[in-house]
Protein backbone atom coordinates (compact mmCIF):
# COMPACT_ATOMS: atom_id res chain seq x y z
CA MET A 1 -182.58 -32.48 -106.02
CA SER A 2 -183.01 -36.24 -105.94
CA VAL A 3 -185.46 -38.60 -107.51
CA SER A 4 -186.02 -42.17 -106.48
CA THR A 5 -187.22 -44.92 -108.73
CA PRO A 6 -189.44 -47.62 -107.26
CA SER A 7 -187.59 -50.71 -106.15
CA THR A 8 -188.53 -53.92 -104.49
CA ALA A 9 -186.83 -54.16 -101.11
CA PRO A 10 -185.37 -57.59 -100.29
CA SER A 11 -186.89 -59.41 -97.36
CA ALA A 12 -185.07 -59.11 -94.05
CA SER A 13 -183.81 -62.69 -94.32
CA ALA A 14 -182.61 -62.51 -97.96
CA PRO A 15 -178.99 -61.44 -98.46
CA VAL A 16 -178.53 -58.47 -100.79
CA GLN A 17 -176.64 -59.58 -103.88
CA ALA A 18 -174.33 -57.15 -105.64
CA PRO A 19 -175.72 -56.15 -109.03
CA THR A 20 -173.85 -57.39 -112.08
CA GLN A 21 -173.02 -55.35 -115.18
CA ALA A 22 -176.06 -56.99 -116.81
CA ASP A 23 -178.28 -55.91 -113.87
CA LEU A 24 -177.00 -52.34 -114.14
CA PHE A 25 -177.53 -52.28 -117.90
CA ASP A 26 -181.07 -53.63 -117.50
CA PHE A 27 -181.79 -50.91 -114.90
CA VAL A 28 -180.47 -48.02 -117.02
CA ARG A 29 -182.24 -49.35 -120.14
CA ARG A 30 -185.59 -49.60 -118.32
CA THR A 31 -185.14 -46.25 -116.56
CA ALA A 32 -184.32 -44.52 -119.87
CA THR A 33 -187.80 -45.45 -121.13
CA ASP A 34 -189.52 -43.63 -118.24
CA ALA A 35 -190.70 -40.58 -120.21
CA GLU A 36 -192.00 -38.77 -117.10
CA LEU A 37 -188.68 -39.15 -115.28
CA ILE A 38 -186.66 -38.07 -118.33
CA ALA A 39 -188.88 -35.00 -118.81
CA SER A 40 -188.47 -34.06 -115.12
CA LEU A 41 -184.73 -33.36 -115.45
CA PRO A 42 -184.03 -29.62 -115.43
CA LEU A 43 -181.84 -28.72 -118.41
CA ASP A 44 -179.29 -25.93 -118.39
CA PRO A 45 -178.20 -24.42 -121.71
CA GLU A 46 -174.55 -24.21 -120.59
CA GLY A 47 -173.72 -26.92 -118.06
CA ARG A 48 -174.55 -30.52 -117.37
CA THR A 49 -177.32 -31.19 -114.88
CA TRP A 50 -177.90 -34.34 -112.87
CA VAL A 51 -180.26 -35.99 -110.45
CA ARG A 52 -179.31 -38.93 -108.26
CA LEU A 53 -181.52 -41.99 -108.63
CA GLU A 54 -181.99 -45.06 -106.48
CA GLY A 55 -180.13 -47.83 -108.29
CA PRO A 56 -180.55 -51.59 -107.87
CA GLY A 57 -178.83 -53.48 -105.06
CA GLY A 58 -177.17 -50.46 -103.47
CA SER A 59 -175.71 -49.15 -106.72
CA GLU A 60 -175.22 -45.47 -107.47
CA ALA A 61 -177.35 -44.14 -110.33
CA TRP A 62 -177.70 -40.79 -112.08
CA LEU A 63 -179.90 -39.07 -114.63
CA ILE A 64 -177.68 -36.63 -116.55
CA GLY A 65 -178.51 -33.79 -118.95
CA TRP A 66 -175.92 -32.83 -121.56
CA PRO A 67 -176.20 -29.43 -123.28
CA PRO A 68 -174.92 -29.26 -126.86
CA GLY A 69 -171.14 -29.53 -127.06
CA THR A 70 -170.52 -30.79 -123.51
CA GLY A 71 -168.61 -33.83 -122.32
CA THR A 72 -166.91 -35.52 -119.43
CA GLY A 73 -163.27 -35.45 -120.43
CA TRP A 74 -161.22 -38.64 -120.12
CA HIS A 75 -161.89 -40.49 -116.86
CA ASP A 76 -162.48 -43.87 -115.26
CA HIS A 77 -164.67 -45.09 -112.42
CA ALA A 78 -161.90 -46.92 -110.54
CA ASP A 79 -163.14 -50.17 -109.00
CA SER A 80 -166.77 -49.80 -110.07
CA VAL A 81 -168.51 -51.56 -112.94
CA GLY A 82 -171.11 -49.50 -114.73
CA ALA A 83 -173.65 -49.02 -117.48
CA PHE A 84 -175.28 -46.10 -119.24
CA VAL A 85 -177.96 -45.54 -121.87
CA ALA A 86 -178.84 -42.45 -123.89
CA ALA A 87 -182.48 -41.62 -123.11
CA ALA A 88 -182.77 -38.61 -125.45
CA GLY A 89 -180.50 -37.12 -128.09
CA GLU A 90 -177.24 -38.86 -128.91
CA LEU A 91 -173.96 -39.36 -127.09
CA LYS A 92 -170.57 -40.41 -128.38
CA GLU A 93 -168.16 -42.47 -126.33
CA TYR A 94 -164.43 -42.64 -126.95
CA SER A 95 -162.77 -45.40 -124.96
CA LEU A 96 -159.54 -47.31 -124.59
CA ALA A 97 -159.46 -51.04 -125.29
CA ALA A 98 -156.62 -51.55 -122.83
CA ARG A 99 -156.38 -52.30 -119.14
CA LEU A 100 -154.33 -49.58 -117.47
CA PRO A 101 -152.39 -50.02 -114.25
CA THR A 102 -154.66 -49.03 -111.37
CA ASP A 103 -152.17 -46.96 -109.39
CA GLY A 104 -148.56 -45.84 -109.29
CA TRP A 105 -148.32 -44.00 -112.61
CA LYS A 106 -148.70 -40.45 -113.83
CA THR A 107 -148.11 -40.70 -117.59
CA LEU A 108 -148.60 -43.57 -120.06
CA GLU A 109 -147.90 -43.84 -123.76
CA LEU A 110 -150.76 -45.71 -125.43
CA SER A 111 -150.29 -48.05 -128.36
CA GLU A 112 -151.86 -47.03 -131.68
CA ASP A 113 -154.58 -49.71 -131.64
CA VAL A 114 -156.37 -49.00 -128.33
CA ASP A 115 -158.87 -46.33 -129.41
CA ARG A 116 -162.54 -47.22 -129.74
CA GLU A 117 -165.46 -45.00 -130.68
CA ARG A 118 -169.18 -45.66 -130.25
CA ARG A 119 -172.25 -43.65 -131.25
CA LEU A 120 -175.14 -43.99 -128.77
CA PRO A 121 -178.46 -42.66 -130.09
CA ALA A 122 -181.50 -42.65 -127.77
CA GLY A 123 -182.24 -46.14 -126.49
CA GLU A 124 -178.68 -47.41 -126.92
CA GLY A 125 -175.97 -47.78 -124.32
CA ARG A 126 -173.36 -50.07 -122.91
CA SER A 127 -171.97 -51.63 -119.79
CA PHE A 128 -168.33 -51.69 -118.77
CA GLY A 129 -165.96 -53.27 -116.27
CA ARG A 130 -163.63 -51.89 -113.66
CA HIS A 131 -161.03 -49.31 -114.71
CA HIS A 132 -162.77 -48.58 -118.03
CA VAL A 133 -161.23 -45.36 -119.36
CA HIS A 134 -163.52 -43.28 -121.54
CA GLU A 135 -164.81 -39.88 -122.56
CA VAL A 136 -168.52 -39.24 -123.19
CA LEU A 137 -169.70 -36.30 -125.32
CA ASN A 138 -172.80 -34.67 -126.70
CA GLU A 139 -171.41 -33.59 -130.06
CA SER A 140 -174.67 -31.99 -131.20
CA THR A 141 -174.53 -28.25 -131.74
CA GLU A 142 -178.28 -27.81 -131.16
CA GLU A 143 -179.82 -30.62 -129.12
CA HIS A 144 -179.58 -31.66 -125.46
CA ALA A 145 -178.91 -35.31 -124.69
CA ILE A 146 -180.10 -37.10 -121.55
CA SER A 147 -178.67 -40.34 -120.20
CA VAL A 148 -179.07 -42.75 -117.29
CA HIS A 149 -175.96 -44.16 -115.53
CA ALA A 150 -175.45 -46.77 -112.79
CA TYR A 151 -172.30 -47.92 -110.97
CA TYR A 152 -171.50 -50.63 -108.44
CA PRO A 153 -170.02 -50.39 -105.98
CA PRO A 154 -171.01 -46.75 -105.52
CA LEU A 155 -168.21 -44.66 -106.97
CA PRO A 156 -165.22 -44.69 -104.60
CA ARG A 157 -163.35 -42.25 -106.84
CA ILE A 158 -163.09 -40.97 -110.39
CA ARG A 159 -159.68 -40.52 -111.94
CA ARG A 160 -159.47 -37.64 -114.47
CA TYR A 161 -156.99 -37.72 -117.33
CA SER A 162 -155.72 -35.42 -120.05
CA ARG A 163 -154.74 -36.78 -123.41
CA THR A 164 -152.38 -35.46 -126.06
CA GLY A 165 -152.02 -37.83 -128.99
CA GLN A 166 -151.10 -41.22 -127.54
CA VAL A 167 -150.01 -39.81 -124.16
CA LEU A 168 -152.48 -40.19 -121.28
CA ARG A 169 -151.73 -38.25 -118.11
CA LEU A 170 -153.42 -38.68 -114.73
CA GLU A 171 -154.44 -35.15 -113.70
CA HIS A 172 -156.38 -35.63 -110.48
CA VAL A 173 -158.57 -37.96 -108.45
CA GLU A 174 -162.08 -36.99 -107.33
CA ARG A 175 -163.82 -38.52 -104.34
CA PRO A 176 -167.59 -38.68 -103.70
CA GLU A 177 -167.57 -35.52 -101.60
CA ASP A 178 -166.34 -33.63 -104.68
CA TRP A 179 -169.50 -34.26 -106.71
CA GLN A 180 -172.33 -34.88 -104.26
């Protein structure tokens, strides 16, 4: 299933400019207020659901439903910048305030001061830069959460990690064909 949001197409003579983190955040914030779109997302009581949206300037965008107790696990979006906003319910983001090496490692020991935590009730969100490592969760035991996400350039890969204490381990790399 896919849903497109209206967009203004650039004229044939105007070059398409890559969206900035601020552009992506503005898009997800505005899209999260579209009550009809948010209500159109089918929700599953056990697994996350998603619908691809048309993002600004060639970005990749998603509307995601989060059943109670679900999350992403630790991951990053490689070379993409991104933004997301909770449209309904509340999400929690755990992130690392450290720039990790992009390639060539399997296990890293993190310093004690890199952990960050953010509560994102409906209407709140954030943008992030390249190689931002985080985990997003719906910690509610009763309520679904819904969020809007956008990434530019469109996700070239997602790196998945496991974490035990301060040890972060690269587990596998997903490519677009794995989730589309």
